[in-house]
Protein backbone atom coordinates (compact mmCIF):
# COMPACT_ATOMS: atom_id res chain seq x y z
CA MET A 1 -3.59 5.44 -13.42
CA HIS A 2 -1.11 3.16 -11.67
CA VAL A 3 2.10 1.37 -12.53
CA ILE A 4 3.60 -1.52 -10.57
CA GLU A 5 7.39 -1.86 -10.49
CA THR A 6 8.71 -5.28 -9.46
CA GLY A 7 12.47 -5.05 -10.07
CA GLY A 8 13.77 -4.31 -6.58
CA SER A 9 13.58 -5.98 -3.21
CA TYR A 10 10.08 -4.53 -2.73
CA LEU A 11 7.08 -3.86 -4.99
CA SER A 12 6.17 -0.28 -5.90
CA VAL A 13 2.63 0.80 -6.79
CA ILE A 14 2.88 4.30 -8.24
CA PHE A 15 -0.27 6.35 -8.85
CA SER A 16 -0.65 9.38 -11.09
CA GLY A 17 -3.52 11.60 -12.17
CA ALA A 18 -6.92 11.09 -10.60
CA VAL A 19 -7.21 8.07 -8.29
CA ASP A 20 -10.70 6.85 -7.47
CA GLN A 21 -12.09 3.77 -5.74
CA ASP A 22 -12.04 1.71 -8.96
CA GLN A 23 -8.38 2.56 -9.49
CA LEU A 24 -7.51 1.48 -5.92
CA PHE A 25 -9.26 -1.86 -6.34
CA ARG A 26 -7.68 -2.39 -9.76
CA ALA A 27 -4.21 -1.76 -8.30
CA LEU A 28 -4.89 -4.19 -5.45
CA ARG A 29 -6.06 -6.88 -7.87
CA ASP A 30 -3.00 -6.29 -10.06
CA ILE A 31 -0.54 -6.59 -7.17
CA PHE A 32 -2.31 -9.69 -5.82
CA MET A 33 -1.74 -11.36 -9.21
CA LEU A 34 2.05 -11.01 -9.02
CA PRO A 35 3.83 -14.24 -8.02
CA GLU A 36 6.23 -12.29 -5.78
CA TYR A 37 3.48 -10.41 -3.89
CA PRO A 38 3.31 -12.85 -0.95
CA PHE A 39 7.06 -12.52 -0.40
CA LYS A 40 7.95 -8.86 -1.06
CA ASN A 41 7.06 -5.82 1.01
CA SER A 42 5.41 -3.00 -0.92
CA ILE A 43 5.25 0.76 -1.19
CA TRP A 44 2.15 2.55 -2.49
CA ILE A 45 3.01 6.03 -3.76
CA PHE A 46 0.34 8.75 -4.01
CA GLU A 47 2.65 11.72 -4.61
CA GLY A 48 1.12 14.53 -6.66
CA CYS A 49 -2.06 12.71 -7.61
CA GLU A 50 -5.69 13.62 -7.02
CA CYS A 51 -7.31 11.22 -4.56
CA ASP A 52 -11.03 10.93 -5.14
CA PHE A 53 -12.09 8.20 -2.73
CA SER A 54 -13.53 8.11 0.76
CA ASN A 55 -12.61 6.36 3.97
CA ILE A 56 -15.49 3.97 3.21
CA SER A 57 -13.58 2.91 0.08
CA MET A 58 -10.51 2.35 2.21
CA PHE A 59 -12.44 0.15 4.63
CA LYS A 60 -13.69 -1.95 1.71
CA LEU A 61 -10.12 -2.21 0.47
CA LEU A 62 -8.97 -3.52 3.85
CA GLN A 63 -11.76 -6.10 3.84
CA MET A 64 -10.59 -7.25 0.41
CA ILE A 65 -6.98 -7.50 1.59
CA ARG A 66 -8.04 -9.54 4.60
CA ALA A 67 -10.23 -11.87 2.53
CA TYR A 68 -7.72 -12.60 -0.23
CA TYR A 69 -4.37 -12.31 1.55
CA PRO A 70 -2.20 -15.34 0.65
CA LYS A 71 -1.85 -17.81 3.52
CA GLU A 72 1.76 -18.59 2.58
CA ALA A 73 2.80 -14.91 2.64
CA THR A 74 6.00 -13.93 4.40
CA ARG A 75 5.89 -10.20 3.61
CA THR A 76 5.77 -7.98 6.69
CA LYS A 77 5.28 -4.34 5.61
CA THR A 78 3.43 -1.94 3.34
CA ALA A 79 4.39 1.74 3.22
CA ILE A 80 2.01 4.41 1.94
CA VAL A 81 3.62 7.63 0.69
CA THR A 82 1.65 10.84 0.18
CA SER A 83 2.70 14.42 -0.52
CA ILE A 84 -0.35 16.31 0.77
CA SER A 85 -1.22 16.64 4.46
CA LEU A 86 -4.87 15.68 3.96
CA HIS A 87 -3.88 12.54 2.06
CA HIS A 88 -1.34 11.72 4.76
CA ALA A 89 -4.04 11.99 7.43
CA MET A 90 -6.27 9.64 5.41
CA ALA A 91 -3.37 7.22 4.99
CA GLN A 92 -2.74 7.27 8.75
CA LEU A 93 -6.40 6.44 9.40
CA PHE A 94 -6.17 3.62 6.88
CA CYS A 95 -3.09 2.22 8.66
CA GLU A 96 -4.86 2.45 12.02
CA GLU A 97 -7.86 0.55 10.60
CA ALA A 98 -5.48 -2.08 9.21
CA ASP A 99 -3.90 -2.43 12.64
CA ASP A 100 -7.35 -2.78 14.26
CA LEU A 101 -8.16 -5.60 11.80
CA ALA A 102 -4.94 -7.38 12.83
CA LEU A 103 -3.71 -7.92 9.28
CA ALA A 104 -0.75 -10.25 8.83
CA PHE A 105 1.56 -7.33 8.00
CA THR A 106 2.19 -3.78 9.22
CA MET A 107 1.14 -0.67 7.30
CA LYS A 108 2.66 2.76 7.88
CA ALA A 109 2.06 6.19 6.30
CA PHE A 110 4.88 8.53 5.25
CA MET A 111 5.29 11.91 3.60
CA ASP A 112 8.90 11.18 2.59
CA ARG A 113 9.63 8.39 0.10
CA ALA A 114 13.22 7.85 1.29
CA GLU A 115 12.01 7.41 4.87
CA ALA A 116 9.38 4.91 3.70
CA ILE A 117 11.96 2.91 1.75
CA ALA A 118 14.33 2.89 4.73
CA TRP A 119 11.50 1.53 6.91
CA LEU A 120 10.68 -1.17 4.33
CA MET A 121 14.32 -2.24 4.20
CA GLU A 122 14.80 -2.48 8.01
CA HIS A 123 15.65 -6.00 9.10
CA GLU A 124 15.76 -7.23 5.49
CA VAL A 125 18.25 -9.96 4.72
CA GLN A 126 20.53 -8.74 1.96
């Protein structure tokens, strides 16, 4: 399951329970539908959930992001927060793949939510 919080200066996608490929794609579709998505950085939080997807799923997710990313977007960052070392390693690989695809924004993996938020807020106009 996922919940998207939109109230702050960035969007939060918070996962709980078992997260599979369908859940990832559903969350991506949901965040793409938000009017503020092209303009707000985001944080995807996978703390304490069970990740049941492969790196092939992640590659498909990146292809979807690239294909449907809004041309008018001004957002610059997406943070991915995990709490398990294996998930963190997968998130790092995902971010490296995103970098190789030269997406229009930067993705970075974290194991500390406060650190991820601080990174998202760097160079933000208040």
